[in-house]
Protein backbone atom coordinates (compact mmCIF):
# COMPACT_ATOMS: atom_id res chain seq x y z
CA MET A 1 -0.02 0.00 -0.05
CA ASN A 2 1.17 3.62 -0.87
CA GLU A 3 2.17 5.76 2.15
CA SER A 4 0.03 8.89 2.55
CA SER A 5 2.68 11.21 1.08
CA ASP A 6 2.60 9.16 -2.04
CA LEU A 7 -1.13 9.60 -2.37
CA ALA A 8 -0.74 13.27 -2.14
CA ALA A 9 1.95 13.21 -4.77
CA ILE A 10 -0.42 11.15 -7.09
CA ALA A 11 -3.23 13.57 -6.49
CA ARG A 12 -0.98 16.60 -7.42
CA ALA A 13 0.32 14.85 -10.31
CA LEU A 14 -3.16 14.36 -11.65
CA VAL A 15 -3.79 18.11 -11.69
CA ALA A 16 -0.31 18.98 -12.86
CA GLU A 17 -0.31 22.33 -14.77
CA GLY A 18 -1.43 22.09 -18.22
CA LYS A 19 -2.85 18.60 -17.86
CA GLY A 20 -6.12 16.96 -17.14
CA ILE A 21 -7.85 13.54 -17.03
CA LEU A 22 -9.40 11.54 -19.82
CA ALA A 23 -12.49 9.81 -18.62
CA ALA A 24 -12.67 6.53 -20.62
CA ASP A 25 -14.73 4.60 -18.19
CA GLU A 26 -18.02 4.18 -20.09
CA SER A 27 -20.09 1.19 -19.08
CA THR A 28 -20.74 -1.34 -21.79
CA PRO A 29 -24.36 -0.11 -22.35
CA THR A 30 -23.06 3.51 -22.65
CA ILE A 31 -20.51 2.79 -25.18
CA THR A 32 -22.90 0.62 -27.11
CA LYS A 33 -25.04 3.67 -27.73
CA ARG A 34 -22.08 5.70 -28.88
CA PHE A 35 -21.03 3.06 -31.18
CA GLN A 36 -24.61 2.90 -32.60
CA ALA A 37 -24.15 6.51 -33.78
CA ILE A 38 -21.31 5.38 -36.07
CA ASP A 39 -23.04 2.09 -36.99
CA LEU A 40 -20.53 -0.08 -35.31
CA GLU A 41 -21.27 -3.22 -33.42
CA SER A 42 -20.42 -3.20 -29.75
CA THR A 43 -18.27 -6.23 -29.51
CA GLU A 44 -15.49 -6.74 -26.92
CA GLU A 45 -12.74 -6.52 -29.77
CA ASN A 46 -14.37 -3.29 -31.14
CA ARG A 47 -14.37 -1.74 -27.62
CA ARG A 48 -10.68 -2.97 -27.22
CA ALA A 49 -9.70 -1.47 -30.52
CA TYR A 50 -11.38 1.93 -29.77
CA ARG A 51 -9.60 2.24 -26.39
CA GLU A 52 -6.44 1.29 -27.83
CA MET A 53 -6.81 3.98 -30.44
CA LEU A 54 -7.38 6.41 -27.63
CA LEU A 55 -4.53 5.19 -25.19
CA SER A 56 -1.88 4.71 -27.86
CA THR A 57 -2.18 8.41 -29.15
CA GLU A 58 1.32 9.63 -29.50
CA GLY A 59 2.12 12.76 -27.47
CA LEU A 60 -1.02 12.25 -25.31
CA GLY A 61 0.97 12.59 -22.13
CA GLU A 62 1.85 16.06 -22.86
CA PHE A 63 -1.70 17.11 -22.13
CA ILE A 64 -3.31 14.11 -20.19
CA SER A 65 -2.24 13.25 -16.69
CA GLY A 66 -4.42 10.27 -16.08
CA VAL A 67 -7.02 8.04 -17.81
CA ILE A 68 -10.12 6.47 -15.84
CA LEU A 69 -10.69 3.09 -17.10
CA PHE A 70 -13.70 0.67 -16.84
CA ASP A 71 -13.49 -2.85 -15.37
CA GLU A 72 -13.41 -4.38 -18.88
CA THR A 73 -10.66 -2.01 -20.05
CA ILE A 74 -8.28 -2.27 -17.38
CA ARG A 75 -8.19 -6.12 -17.97
CA GLN A 76 -7.52 -5.59 -21.75
CA LYS A 77 -4.29 -5.50 -23.75
CA SER A 78 -3.06 -3.74 -26.83
CA SER A 79 -2.66 -5.59 -30.08
CA ASP A 80 0.98 -6.22 -29.26
CA GLY A 81 0.20 -7.67 -25.81
CA LEU A 82 0.84 -4.79 -23.48
CA SER A 83 -1.72 -4.23 -20.78
CA PHE A 84 -3.57 -0.97 -21.01
CA PRO A 85 -2.29 0.25 -17.54
CA GLU A 86 1.35 -0.56 -18.71
CA MET A 87 0.79 1.19 -22.00
CA LEU A 88 -0.34 4.37 -19.98
CA ARG A 89 2.64 4.22 -17.59
CA ARG A 90 4.99 4.17 -20.36
CA LYS A 91 3.63 7.37 -21.54
CA LYS A 92 3.89 8.77 -18.04
CA ILE A 93 0.06 8.72 -17.67
CA ILE A 94 -1.59 7.58 -14.47
CA PRO A 95 -3.95 4.65 -14.71
CA GLY A 96 -7.27 4.94 -12.75
CA ILE A 97 -10.58 2.88 -12.50
CA LYS A 98 -14.18 3.57 -11.98
CA VAL A 99 -15.31 1.38 -9.16
CA ASP A 100 -19.01 2.23 -8.56
CA LYS A 101 -21.73 -0.15 -9.82
CA GLY A 102 -23.97 2.54 -11.23
CA ALA A 103 -26.86 4.78 -10.02
CA LYS A 104 -29.89 2.79 -8.88
CA ALA A 105 -33.51 3.85 -7.96
CA LEU A 106 -33.64 5.16 -4.41
CA ALA A 107 -36.43 3.33 -2.54
CA HIS A 108 -39.54 5.44 -1.83
CA PHE A 109 -38.04 8.37 -3.61
CA GLU A 110 -39.55 8.39 -7.06
CA GLY A 111 -37.15 9.89 -9.72
CA GLU A 112 -34.04 9.82 -7.53
CA LYS A 113 -31.02 7.55 -7.56
CA VAL A 114 -28.26 6.51 -5.18
CA THR A 115 -24.98 4.88 -6.47
CA GLU A 116 -24.30 1.30 -5.47
CA GLY A 117 -21.08 -0.75 -5.27
CA LEU A 118 -19.97 -0.65 -1.65
CA ASP A 119 -20.41 -4.28 -0.98
CA GLY A 120 -17.17 -6.00 -1.83
CA LEU A 121 -15.45 -2.76 -2.64
CA ARG A 122 -12.43 -3.39 -0.24
CA GLU A 123 -11.59 -6.53 -2.16
CA ARG A 124 -12.14 -5.09 -5.64
CA LEU A 125 -10.04 -2.09 -4.74
CA ALA A 126 -7.13 -4.57 -3.86
CA GLU A 127 -7.56 -6.30 -7.14
CA TYR A 128 -7.60 -3.05 -9.23
CA ALA A 129 -4.44 -1.92 -7.39
CA GLY A 130 -2.80 -5.20 -8.42
CA LEU A 131 -3.81 -4.60 -12.04
CA GLY A 132 -2.10 -1.22 -11.96
CA ALA A 133 -4.53 1.37 -11.00
CA GLN A 134 -3.34 4.24 -8.85
CA PHE A 135 -6.55 6.26 -8.49
CA THR A 136 -10.32 5.67 -8.41
CA LYS A 137 -13.62 7.20 -9.30
CA TRP A 138 -17.20 7.12 -7.88
CA ARG A 139 -20.00 9.00 -9.40
CA ALA A 140 -23.37 10.12 -7.80
CA VAL A 141 -26.04 11.64 -9.77
CA ILE A 142 -28.42 14.27 -8.51
CA LYS A 143 -31.50 15.41 -10.42
CA ILE A 144 -33.17 18.80 -10.10
CA ALA A 145 -36.96 18.88 -10.70
CA TYR A 146 -40.13 20.08 -8.80
CA GLY A 147 -39.41 18.99 -5.12
CA LEU A 148 -36.18 17.38 -5.94
CA PRO A 149 -33.47 16.55 -4.88
CA SER A 150 -34.61 15.49 -1.42
CA GLN A 151 -32.43 15.67 1.57
CA ALA A 152 -32.53 11.86 1.79
CA CYS A 153 -31.00 11.59 -1.72
CA LEU A 154 -28.39 14.13 -1.10
CA GLU A 155 -27.37 12.60 2.23
CA SER A 156 -27.37 9.09 0.97
CA ASN A 157 -25.05 9.80 -1.94
CA ALA A 158 -22.71 11.94 0.25
CA HIS A 159 -22.45 8.99 2.66
CA ALA A 160 -21.59 6.57 -0.23
CA LEU A 161 -19.13 8.92 -1.64
CA ALA A 162 -17.29 9.30 1.75
CA ARG A 163 -17.19 5.62 2.33
CA PHE A 164 -15.79 5.07 -1.21
CA ALA A 165 -13.18 7.70 -0.64
CA ALA A 166 -12.07 6.12 2.77
CA LEU A 167 -11.84 2.79 1.43
CA SER A 168 -9.91 3.86 -1.59
CA GLN A 169 -7.34 5.59 0.56
CA GLU A 170 -7.05 2.72 2.78
CA ALA A 171 -6.17 0.76 -0.32
CA GLY A 172 -3.51 3.07 -1.32
CA LEU A 173 -5.43 4.62 -4.05
CA VAL A 174 -6.48 8.43 -4.74
CA PRO A 175 -10.16 8.81 -4.73
CA ILE A 176 -11.89 11.17 -7.26
CA VAL A 177 -15.19 12.17 -5.54
CA GLU A 178 -17.92 12.94 -8.23
CA PRO A 179 -21.30 14.49 -7.03
CA GLU A 180 -22.85 15.41 -10.31
CA ILE A 181 -25.86 17.64 -10.61
CA LEU A 182 -27.39 16.70 -13.95
CA MET A 183 -28.12 19.28 -16.64
CA ASP A 184 -31.38 17.59 -17.66
CA GLY A 185 -34.46 19.67 -17.06
CA THR A 186 -35.40 23.36 -17.25
CA HIS A 187 -33.92 24.64 -13.96
CA THR A 188 -32.00 27.96 -13.94
CA ILE A 189 -28.32 28.60 -13.24
CA ASP A 190 -29.36 29.99 -9.83
CA ARG A 191 -31.16 26.89 -8.92
CA CYS A 192 -28.17 24.84 -10.11
CA ARG A 193 -26.02 26.85 -7.76
CA GLN A 194 -28.14 26.46 -4.93
CA VAL A 195 -28.35 22.57 -5.23
CA THR A 196 -24.68 22.38 -6.01
CA GLU A 197 -23.63 24.31 -2.95
CA LEU A 198 -25.85 22.04 -0.80
CA ALA A 199 -24.76 18.84 -2.30
CA GLN A 200 -21.01 19.73 -1.96
CA ARG A 201 -21.46 20.88 1.72
CA LEU A 202 -23.00 17.57 2.55
CA VAL A 203 -20.20 15.70 0.64
CA PHE A 204 -17.33 17.39 2.65
CA GLN A 205 -19.18 16.97 5.89
CA ALA A 206 -19.46 13.24 5.11
CA LEU A 207 -15.74 13.14 4.16
CA ALA A 208 -14.76 14.74 7.35
CA GLU A 209 -16.88 12.29 9.48
CA HIS A 210 -15.16 9.44 7.60
CA ARG A 211 -11.71 10.80 8.12
CA VAL A 212 -10.90 11.18 4.50
CA VAL A 213 -7.51 12.90 4.05
CA LEU A 214 -8.31 15.99 1.82
CA GLU A 215 -4.89 16.22 0.45
CA GLU A 216 -5.23 12.77 -0.86
CA MET A 217 -8.31 13.22 -3.06
CA LEU A 218 -9.70 15.19 -5.86
CA LEU A 219 -13.28 16.63 -6.40
CA LYS A 220 -14.97 15.94 -9.79
CA PRO A 221 -17.99 18.47 -9.94
CA ASN A 222 -20.42 19.82 -12.34
CA MET A 223 -20.11 23.47 -13.52
CA VAL A 224 -22.81 25.66 -12.25
CA ILE A 225 -24.87 25.93 -15.40
CA ALA A 226 -28.47 26.26 -16.56
CA ALA A 227 -30.23 23.13 -17.46
CA LEU A 228 -30.25 22.08 -21.17
CA ASP A 229 -33.88 23.08 -21.66
CA CYS A 230 -33.84 26.30 -19.66
CA PRO A 231 -35.22 29.17 -21.67
CA LYS A 232 -32.48 31.46 -20.48
CA GLN A 233 -28.99 30.01 -20.93
CA ALA A 234 -26.13 31.61 -19.00
CA THR A 235 -23.07 33.13 -20.74
CA VAL A 236 -19.59 31.54 -20.38
CA SER A 237 -18.48 34.30 -18.09
CA GLU A 238 -21.47 33.77 -15.97
CA VAL A 239 -21.09 30.03 -15.61
CA ALA A 240 -17.42 30.67 -14.57
CA ALA A 241 -18.13 33.20 -12.04
CA ALA A 242 -21.07 31.19 -10.48
CA THR A 243 -18.98 28.06 -10.48
CA LEU A 244 -15.96 29.52 -8.95
CA ASP A 245 -18.06 31.34 -6.28
CA THR A 246 -19.86 28.14 -5.32
CA LEU A 247 -16.57 26.24 -4.97
CA ARG A 248 -15.22 28.88 -2.71
CA CYS A 249 -18.04 28.47 -0.43
CA THR A 250 -17.69 24.54 -0.17
CA VAL A 251 -14.38 23.14 -0.99
CA PRO A 252 -11.46 23.31 1.51
CA ALA A 253 -8.23 24.64 0.20
CA ALA A 254 -6.51 21.44 1.32
CA VAL A 255 -8.06 19.60 -1.79
CA PRO A 256 -5.28 19.67 -4.52
CA GLY A 257 -7.53 20.18 -7.45
CA ILE A 258 -10.92 20.38 -9.05
CA VAL A 259 -11.37 18.22 -12.21
CA PHE A 260 -14.65 19.27 -13.74
CA LEU A 261 -16.85 16.85 -15.55
CA SER A 262 -18.28 18.01 -18.94
CA GLY A 263 -21.72 16.56 -18.31
CA GLY A 264 -24.22 17.39 -21.30
CA GLN A 265 -21.91 20.20 -22.59
CA SER A 266 -20.57 20.21 -26.17
CA ASP A 267 -16.77 19.65 -26.60
CA LEU A 268 -16.26 23.40 -27.46
CA LEU A 269 -18.38 24.79 -24.58
CA ALA A 270 -16.70 22.56 -21.97
CA THR A 271 -13.33 24.03 -23.13
CA GLN A 272 -14.63 27.63 -23.13
CA HIS A 273 -15.92 27.32 -19.63
CA LEU A 274 -12.81 25.84 -18.29
CA ASN A 275 -10.90 28.61 -20.07
CA ALA A 276 -13.06 31.39 -18.53
CA LEU A 277 -12.74 29.73 -15.02
CA ASN A 278 -8.88 29.92 -15.23
CA GLN A 279 -9.06 33.58 -16.39
CA LEU A 280 -10.63 34.57 -12.95
CA ASP A 281 -8.72 35.46 -9.84
CA PRO A 282 -6.44 32.63 -8.78
CA ALA A 283 -8.23 29.87 -6.78
CA PRO A 284 -6.69 27.83 -3.97
CA TRP A 285 -6.91 24.66 -6.05
CA GLN A 286 -5.81 23.58 -9.45
CA LEU A 287 -8.91 24.03 -11.94
CA SER A 288 -8.63 21.12 -14.33
CA PHE A 289 -10.77 18.75 -16.38
CA SER A 290 -11.87 15.11 -16.28
CA TYR A 291 -13.87 14.99 -19.57
CA GLY A 292 -15.42 12.09 -21.27
CA ARG A 293 -17.59 12.95 -24.26
CA ALA A 294 -15.99 16.29 -24.49
CA LEU A 295 -12.66 14.78 -25.31
CA GLN A 296 -13.96 11.60 -27.03
CA ALA A 297 -16.78 12.51 -29.16
CA PRO A 298 -14.62 14.09 -32.07
CA ALA A 299 -12.35 11.27 -31.88
CA LEU A 300 -14.95 8.59 -32.00
CA LYS A 301 -16.51 10.22 -35.10
CA ALA A 302 -13.24 10.55 -36.92
CA TRP A 303 -12.06 6.98 -36.06
CA ASN A 304 -15.31 5.61 -37.21
CA GLY A 305 -14.22 2.09 -36.50
CA LYS A 306 -11.18 2.14 -38.80
CA ASN A 307 -9.24 5.44 -39.07
CA VAL A 308 -6.93 5.43 -36.34
CA VAL A 309 -4.85 8.38 -37.53
CA ALA A 310 -7.93 10.69 -37.79
CA GLY A 311 -9.24 9.57 -34.41
CA GLN A 312 -5.87 10.12 -32.67
CA SER A 313 -5.60 13.62 -34.32
CA ALA A 314 -9.01 14.57 -33.10
CA LEU A 315 -8.26 13.40 -29.66
CA LEU A 316 -5.05 15.21 -29.36
CA HIS A 317 -6.44 18.42 -30.63
CA ARG A 318 -9.21 18.56 -28.03
CA ALA A 319 -6.54 17.56 -25.40
CA ARG A 320 -4.50 20.45 -26.58
CA CYS A 321 -7.19 22.93 -26.37
CA ASN A 322 -8.17 21.90 -22.89
CA SER A 323 -4.54 22.16 -21.83
CA ALA A 324 -4.49 25.55 -23.16
CA ALA A 325 -7.75 26.40 -21.21
CA ARG A 326 -6.09 25.28 -18.00
CA HIS A 327 -3.84 28.30 -18.47
CA GLY A 328 -6.56 30.61 -19.61
CA ASN A 329 -4.99 30.66 -23.04
CA TYR A 330 -7.47 28.93 -25.26
CA SER A 331 -8.93 30.88 -28.15
CA GLU A 332 -11.26 29.93 -30.93
CA GLU A 333 -8.39 30.55 -33.43
CA MET A 334 -7.10 27.13 -32.15
CA GLU A 335 -10.19 25.47 -33.69
CA THR A 336 -10.16 27.43 -37.04
CA GLU A 337 -6.34 26.75 -37.42
CA ARG A 338 -6.87 22.98 -37.14
CA MET A 339 -9.82 23.23 -39.73
CA ALA A 340 -7.49 25.27 -42.05
CA ALA A 341 -4.62 22.76 -41.72
């Protein structure tokens, strides 16, 4: 097991300046839906080939500090027989693993969910560490609607996140704690801020109660943003200001970094928001990214089941743009220059 100082070092390395995390931890049903969009059958070999295309991208380690893998993926190998965790390590990229079992219906609370997977987690964490993982991720999903979320839903998910984080640190793994307020619905940015602040306060209260070491974890939150169907969408600068103000109210300075999820944002908008956040007054934490679709969507479309070079070029471009956003140096010219090239 890693010593505590090692965990803090890994947490800091995951949010190293100019770098962020690639979330490649889609479950089989999720990646099946994405493959359907390019008319590709979701076989184990196709999934393996797609993940190999992503992870073998030359130069990826310049912009990506870590990759979150799925249970199937951490056990797979490249076409030349190298395990995916070892492939990443050779690129100086830290391998991680999603360890939750998904969000399930919360009994007696219609429309709300709680993430499961605590049973047997200690043993699974030991196995994942043996397979090469150095950090973990657990996602909770919170829905905003009339009368939602309930206090019970928020507290149940905060408790699960804290237990997961404590078990991860016990196993010598850095936990990424992800309380996601979903973008689905019609709620305003103000309502999103209210719920985000409450959820994060409860999460950090639970983390403290479970003696989780803040220096040895990362937070993966949503940005404070209007719902997808809200009639009044917030500007990029409004999202950045509301997000940072909320974090200042809830997240202790001891946490090394914030790695934002992209949620339902487009790849361009996720980059623009991250860029605007890093142009504001300095925060006590690194403001980074842990994007899934916002990094992968252009790569998947370009790859289309066969074009590895095009897929890797698209992935590297988005990684480079988000790296620039980490410094507040991203510009739309970066997009037009690539299209012109």
